[in-house]
Amino acid sequence: MDPMSGKILARHLIRKGLQILTTEVTENFEALFRGHFPDFVVLHCHNSRGDFDVVKRATHIIRRLHPGCILYVTCSSDTLDYYTIRYRFQDYYYDDLLSSPLQCGELLAKLMHHLSRRYHLSPTQS
């Protein structure tokens, strides 16, 4: 995500009680990510240098290291059709492709949906 959108989203999520770690996806992403065990990750489809391949590899790394991690990839709705063909989103690993700029409410709704499928609560006995 662009730095401003990332900061705004992080601020909103922190207010909701979520712990946030922001990082740039670079060639040494695996070494940086190996020690973290997130419930979910949000990645923009390319990094600040416009590198789609490094982000695509990062989605594979995340899925390999943390198969239960919910993975969201964002892309501008204006470029989605073009990027889908040119950069082959089908080669990324993700649970949901979201349009950017990402709204906090949209992310939380998607996250609650994914988490509710993961954690099944027993019905309360009266």
Protein backbone atom coordinates (compact mmCIF):
# COMPACT_ATOMS: atom_id res chain seq x y z
CA MET A 1 0.00 0.00 0.00
CA ASP A 2 1.11 3.53 -0.42
CA PRO A 3 2.54 4.86 2.85
CA MET A 4 -0.31 7.28 3.57
CA SER A 5 -3.07 4.68 3.03
CA GLY A 6 -1.10 2.15 5.06
CA LYS A 7 -0.75 4.55 7.99
CA ILE A 8 -4.44 5.45 7.95
CA LEU A 9 -5.49 1.80 7.78
CA ALA A 10 -3.04 0.81 10.53
CA ARG A 11 -4.31 3.61 12.78
CA HIS A 12 -7.93 2.43 12.36
CA LEU A 13 -7.04 -1.20 12.96
CA ILE A 14 -5.01 -0.35 16.07
CA ARG A 15 -8.07 1.47 17.44
CA LYS A 16 -9.98 -1.78 16.94
CA GLY A 17 -7.41 -3.61 19.10
CA LEU A 18 -5.40 -5.28 16.35
CA GLN A 19 -1.61 -5.42 16.48
CA ILE A 20 -0.10 -4.11 13.25
CA LEU A 21 3.34 -4.55 11.70
CA THR A 22 4.11 -2.71 8.48
CA THR A 23 6.98 -3.60 6.17
CA GLU A 24 8.07 -3.14 2.58
CA VAL A 25 8.05 -6.26 0.40
CA THR A 26 11.60 -6.63 -0.89
CA GLU A 27 13.89 -9.45 -1.98
CA ASN A 28 14.70 -10.33 1.66
CA PHE A 29 11.03 -10.52 2.65
CA GLU A 30 11.26 -14.17 3.73
CA ALA A 31 14.00 -13.46 6.27
CA LEU A 32 12.00 -10.55 7.69
CA PHE A 33 8.73 -12.46 7.76
CA ARG A 34 9.93 -15.85 9.04
CA GLY A 35 9.67 -14.89 12.74
CA HIS A 36 6.16 -13.46 12.52
CA PHE A 37 2.94 -15.46 12.86
CA PRO A 38 0.13 -13.20 11.69
CA ASP A 39 -3.55 -14.06 11.49
CA PHE A 40 -3.81 -12.02 8.30
CA VAL A 41 -1.65 -10.06 5.86
CA VAL A 42 -2.60 -7.23 3.51
CA LEU A 43 -0.29 -6.69 0.53
CA HIS A 44 -0.63 -4.29 -2.35
CA CYS A 45 -0.13 -6.00 -5.73
CA HIS A 46 3.27 -4.32 -6.18
CA ASN A 47 5.80 -2.68 -3.91
CA SER A 48 6.90 0.97 -3.90
CA ARG A 49 9.27 0.27 -6.82
CA GLY A 50 6.45 -1.13 -8.96
CA ASP A 51 7.75 -4.70 -8.60
CA PHE A 52 4.84 -7.13 -9.03
CA ASP A 53 7.02 -10.27 -9.06
CA VAL A 54 8.48 -9.69 -5.59
CA VAL A 55 4.96 -9.35 -4.16
CA LYS A 56 3.79 -12.43 -6.07
CA ARG A 57 6.72 -14.38 -4.55
CA ALA A 58 5.85 -12.95 -1.12
CA THR A 59 2.33 -14.42 -1.37
CA HIS A 60 3.87 -17.83 -2.05
CA ILE A 61 6.28 -17.40 0.88
CA ILE A 62 3.47 -16.44 3.25
CA ARG A 63 1.32 -19.38 2.17
CA ARG A 64 4.27 -21.78 2.58
CA LEU A 65 5.42 -20.47 5.98
CA HIS A 66 1.97 -19.79 7.45
CA PRO A 67 -0.68 -21.78 5.57
CA GLY A 68 -3.46 -20.64 7.93
CA CYS A 69 -2.73 -16.94 7.45
CA ILE A 70 -5.52 -15.04 5.70
CA LEU A 71 -3.97 -13.25 2.75
CA TYR A 72 -5.45 -10.15 1.12
CA VAL A 73 -4.03 -8.49 -1.98
CA THR A 74 -5.12 -4.99 -2.95
CA CYS A 75 -5.19 -3.40 -6.38
CA SER A 76 -6.60 -0.15 -7.68
CA SER A 77 -10.03 -0.73 -9.16
CA ASP A 78 -9.03 1.52 -12.10
CA THR A 79 -6.23 -0.86 -13.12
CA LEU A 80 -7.69 -4.20 -12.05
CA ASP A 81 -8.60 -5.48 -15.52
CA TYR A 82 -5.27 -4.46 -17.05
CA TYR A 83 -3.19 -5.79 -14.15
CA THR A 84 -5.14 -9.05 -14.03
CA ILE A 85 -4.10 -9.80 -17.61
CA ARG A 86 -0.60 -8.30 -17.57
CA TYR A 87 0.59 -9.37 -14.11
CA ARG A 88 -1.47 -12.55 -13.82
CA PHE A 89 -3.20 -12.32 -10.46
CA GLN A 90 -4.07 -16.00 -10.84
CA ASP A 91 -0.38 -16.70 -10.08
CA TYR A 92 -0.60 -14.91 -6.72
CA TYR A 93 -1.80 -16.74 -3.61
CA TYR A 94 -4.55 -14.85 -1.82
CA ASP A 95 -7.85 -15.39 -0.07
CA ASP A 96 -9.39 -12.20 -1.38
CA LEU A 97 -8.49 -9.53 -3.94
CA LEU A 98 -9.60 -6.12 -2.63
CA SER A 99 -9.74 -2.77 -4.37
CA SER A 100 -7.62 0.08 -3.10
CA PRO A 101 -7.72 2.44 -1.43
CA LEU A 102 -8.84 -0.12 1.12
CA GLN A 103 -11.47 0.97 3.58
CA CYS A 104 -11.06 -0.20 7.18
CA GLY A 105 -14.71 -1.30 7.42
CA GLU A 106 -14.40 -3.39 4.27
CA LEU A 107 -11.26 -5.10 5.55
CA LEU A 108 -12.82 -5.78 8.96
CA ALA A 109 -15.96 -7.24 7.35
CA LYS A 110 -13.86 -9.54 5.14
CA LEU A 111 -11.67 -10.50 8.09
CA MET A 112 -14.68 -11.33 10.29
CA HIS A 113 -16.12 -13.45 7.48
CA HIS A 114 -12.88 -15.41 7.05
CA LEU A 115 -12.33 -15.80 10.80
CA SER A 116 -15.92 -16.94 11.41
CA ARG A 117 -15.33 -19.79 8.96
CA ARG A 118 -12.11 -20.71 10.79
CA TYR A 119 -13.41 -20.59 14.37
CA HIS A 120 -16.74 -22.27 14.96
CA LEU A 121 -18.41 -21.39 18.23
CA SER A 122 -20.52 -23.96 20.03
CA PRO A 123 -24.13 -22.97 20.58
CA THR A 124 -24.75 -21.64 24.08
CA GLN A 125 -26.79 -23.98 26.26
CA SER A 126 -29.69 -22.39 28.18
